[in-house]
Protein backbone atom coordinates (compact mmCIF):
# COMPACT_ATOMS: atom_id res chain seq x y z
CA PRO A 1 1.97 -7.45 -31.20
CA SER A 2 3.37 -9.25 -28.70
CA LEU A 3 7.03 -7.30 -28.44
CA ARG A 4 5.35 -4.22 -27.94
CA LEU A 5 3.06 -5.90 -24.80
CA ILE A 6 5.82 -7.14 -23.01
CA ARG A 7 7.54 -3.63 -23.32
CA THR A 8 4.19 -1.96 -22.30
CA GLY A 9 3.57 -4.67 -19.09
CA PHE A 10 6.96 -5.60 -18.01
CA PRO A 11 7.36 -1.53 -16.55
CA ILE A 12 3.83 -2.47 -14.65
CA MET A 13 4.75 -5.94 -13.55
CA ALA A 14 8.40 -4.67 -12.40
CA SER A 15 6.21 -2.27 -10.45
CA ARG A 16 3.58 -4.21 -8.97
CA PHE A 17 6.91 -6.65 -7.69
CA LEU A 18 8.80 -3.61 -6.44
CA LEU A 19 5.50 -2.15 -4.53
CA TYR A 20 5.04 -5.92 -3.18
CA LEU A 21 8.62 -5.89 -2.04
CA LEU A 22 7.87 -2.58 -0.34
CA TYR A 23 4.93 -3.66 1.36
CA ASN A 24 7.21 -6.83 2.54
CA VAL A 25 10.59 -5.30 3.32
CA ASP A 26 9.73 -5.16 7.25
CA GLN A 27 8.58 -8.32 7.40
CA ILE A 28 11.71 -9.82 5.42
CA LEU A 29 14.01 -7.78 7.85
CA ILE A 30 12.55 -9.43 10.84
CA TRP A 31 12.86 -13.07 9.18
CA LEU A 32 16.46 -11.73 8.75
CA LEU A 33 17.01 -10.33 11.65
CA LEU A 34 15.12 -11.48 14.39
CA SER A 35 13.67 -14.51 15.71
CA LYS A 36 10.83 -16.77 14.01
CA ALA A 37 8.62 -15.93 17.61
CA ASP A 38 9.05 -12.18 16.48
CA LEU A 39 8.10 -12.49 12.99
CA GLY A 40 5.09 -14.61 14.49
CA LEU A 41 4.08 -11.68 16.27
CA TYR A 42 4.58 -9.29 13.26
CA SER A 43 2.73 -11.66 11.07
CA ILE A 44 -0.24 -11.56 12.77
CA GLN A 45 -0.53 -7.85 12.58
CA ALA A 46 0.61 -7.60 9.21
CA ASN A 47 -2.31 -10.00 8.30
CA ILE A 48 -4.81 -7.78 9.60
CA PHE A 49 -4.07 -4.80 7.59
CA THR A 50 -3.66 -6.74 4.67
CA ILE A 51 -7.65 -7.15 5.83
CA VAL A 52 -7.93 -3.60 6.06
CA LEU A 53 -6.24 -2.36 3.34
CA LEU A 54 -8.55 -4.56 1.09
CA VAL A 55 -10.85 -0.92 1.06
CA PRO A 56 -8.24 1.11 -0.82
CA THR A 57 -7.49 -1.42 -3.23
CA VAL A 58 -11.33 -1.69 -3.83
CA VAL A 59 -11.41 1.58 -4.55
CA SER A 60 -8.41 1.25 -6.48
CA ALA A 61 -9.88 -1.33 -8.79
CA VAL A 62 -13.40 0.44 -9.54
CA LEU A 63 -11.11 3.65 -10.34
CA TYR A 64 -8.63 2.87 -12.37
CA PRO A 65 -11.02 1.83 -15.38
CA ARG A 66 -12.55 4.97 -15.40
CA ILE A 67 -9.47 7.12 -15.12
CA MET A 68 -8.19 4.67 -18.10
CA GLU A 69 -11.35 5.35 -20.01
CA ALA A 70 -10.74 9.10 -18.98
CA PHE A 71 -7.22 9.08 -19.91
CA GLY A 72 -7.83 7.31 -23.69
CA GLU A 73 -10.59 10.09 -24.68
CA SER A 74 -8.08 12.98 -24.10
CA ASP A 75 -4.12 12.86 -23.45
CA ASN A 76 -4.62 15.78 -20.97
CA PRO A 77 -3.84 14.55 -17.87
CA ARG A 78 -6.13 17.38 -16.36
CA LYS A 79 -9.22 15.22 -17.53
CA LEU A 80 -7.90 12.74 -14.62
CA THR A 81 -8.08 15.33 -12.18
CA PRO A 82 -11.89 14.20 -10.85
CA TYR A 83 -10.46 10.31 -10.51
CA LEU A 84 -7.03 11.47 -8.93
CA ILE A 85 -7.21 14.11 -6.08
CA GLN A 86 -10.75 13.91 -4.75
CA PRO A 87 -10.51 10.07 -4.31
CA THR A 88 -7.19 10.51 -2.87
CA LEU A 89 -8.10 13.28 -0.36
CA VAL A 90 -11.04 11.13 0.33
CA MET A 91 -9.74 7.74 1.15
CA GLY A 92 -6.74 10.29 3.10
CA TRP A 93 -9.47 11.91 5.37
CA MET A 94 -11.35 8.34 5.92
CA ALA A 95 -8.03 6.33 6.96
CA CYS A 96 -7.30 8.84 9.58
CA LEU A 97 -10.62 8.87 11.02
CA VAL A 98 -10.44 4.36 10.84
CA LEU A 99 -6.84 3.87 11.40
CA GLY A 100 -7.03 6.48 14.38
CA ILE A 101 -9.91 4.37 15.98
CA ILE A 102 -8.44 1.23 15.07
CA PHE A 103 -4.97 2.77 16.76
CA VAL A 104 -6.57 3.91 20.19
CA LEU A 105 -8.55 0.74 20.40
CA LEU A 106 -6.32 -1.86 18.87
CA HIS A 107 -5.20 -3.40 22.25
CA LEU A 108 -8.51 -4.50 23.48
CA PRO A 109 -9.45 -7.42 21.02
CA VAL A 110 -5.92 -8.45 21.35
CA LYS A 111 -6.16 -8.63 25.07
CA TRP A 112 -9.31 -10.60 25.16
CA ILE A 113 -9.07 -12.86 22.35
CA LEU A 114 -5.25 -13.28 22.14
CA PRO A 115 -3.71 -12.77 25.33
CA ALA A 116 -0.45 -15.01 24.22
CA TYR A 117 -0.16 -12.28 21.49
CA VAL A 118 -0.11 -9.21 23.81
CA ALA A 119 3.58 -8.22 22.18
CA SER A 120 2.11 -7.56 19.00
CA ILE A 121 0.25 -4.59 19.88
CA THR A 122 3.44 -2.25 19.37
CA PRO A 123 3.77 -3.74 15.79
CA GLY A 124 0.28 -3.22 15.03
CA ARG A 125 0.33 0.05 15.66
CA ILE A 126 3.28 0.86 14.11
CA LEU A 127 1.58 -0.55 10.98
CA LEU A 128 -1.46 1.68 11.54
CA LEU A 129 0.78 4.45 10.69
CA ALA A 130 2.41 2.80 7.80
CA SER A 131 -1.37 1.93 6.64
CA PHE A 132 -2.20 5.39 6.15
CA PHE A 133 1.01 5.83 3.53
CA ARG A 134 -0.07 2.84 1.82
CA VAL A 135 -3.67 4.26 1.45
CA ILE A 136 -2.29 7.20 -0.49
CA ALA A 137 0.47 5.60 -2.41
CA ASN A 138 -2.12 3.03 -3.98
CA MET A 139 -3.64 6.11 -5.64
CA SER A 140 -0.55 7.61 -6.48
CA MET A 141 0.75 4.43 -8.06
CA ILE A 142 -2.57 4.09 -10.06
CA SER A 143 -2.00 7.96 -11.14
CA LEU A 144 1.46 6.95 -12.41
CA ILE A 145 0.35 3.67 -14.20
CA SER A 146 -2.66 5.86 -15.75
CA LEU A 147 0.14 7.98 -16.93
CA GLN A 148 2.24 5.98 -18.24
CA GLN A 149 4.70 6.97 -15.77
CA GLU A 150 5.78 3.80 -14.74
CA GLN A 151 9.90 4.16 -15.06
CA ARG A 152 9.06 6.94 -12.30
CA LEU A 153 7.14 4.70 -10.23
CA MET A 154 9.74 2.01 -10.31
CA ARG A 155 12.51 4.56 -9.34
CA ILE A 156 10.13 6.15 -6.64
CA THR A 157 9.61 2.71 -5.31
CA LEU A 158 12.97 1.77 -5.08
CA VAL A 159 13.81 4.89 -2.92
CA ALA A 160 11.08 4.03 -0.91
CA ILE A 161 12.40 0.50 -0.42
CA SER A 162 15.72 1.68 0.61
CA VAL A 163 14.16 4.34 3.15
CA CYS A 164 12.00 1.66 4.53
CA ALA A 165 14.84 -0.97 4.73
CA ALA A 166 17.08 2.07 6.53
CA VAL A 167 14.03 2.88 9.29
CA ASP A 168 13.35 -0.89 10.00
C-alpha cells in the first residue's frame, strides 16, 4: 500500500513543486540577474498578487473534491464537464474584470501609500497580466490531476518554466 501511495503521490508532489517553481521563476531570475533592490520592488507586487490569487485557489479547493467525487462515480471524463468548463469560464471572465480594474487603478495606492515604491508599478502591471493565466492554469491543473494526467501536467509545466525563463 505505501509503495502504491508513493507511486500515486510522487507525480502530484512533483507537479506541485514544478508549479511553485513556475510561479517563482521570475523572482529567481531577478535575484540572479539584478540587484536586491530590484527584487524588493518586484516582490512587493508579487506578494500583493499572491493575495489576489487566493480567490481562484479557494474556488479550486471547493471544486476539487466534487470533481474527484464525480470522477469516482464514473470513469467518463464528460461527467466532469460541469466542474471544469463552467468554473474556468467564470473565473476567466471575473479575472478579466477584476484584474483590469486593478491594472487601471494600481498606481493610485502605490503613489499615495508607498511613494518610495513607485518603480514597482510597472512590474505590478506585468504581474497582473500574468495573473490572468495563473487563474486559468489553476483550473487546468486540477483537471489534469483529476484525470490522472500528472505526467502530462509535469511536461506542460516544464515547458512553461522554460518559456517563462526565456521571456524573463
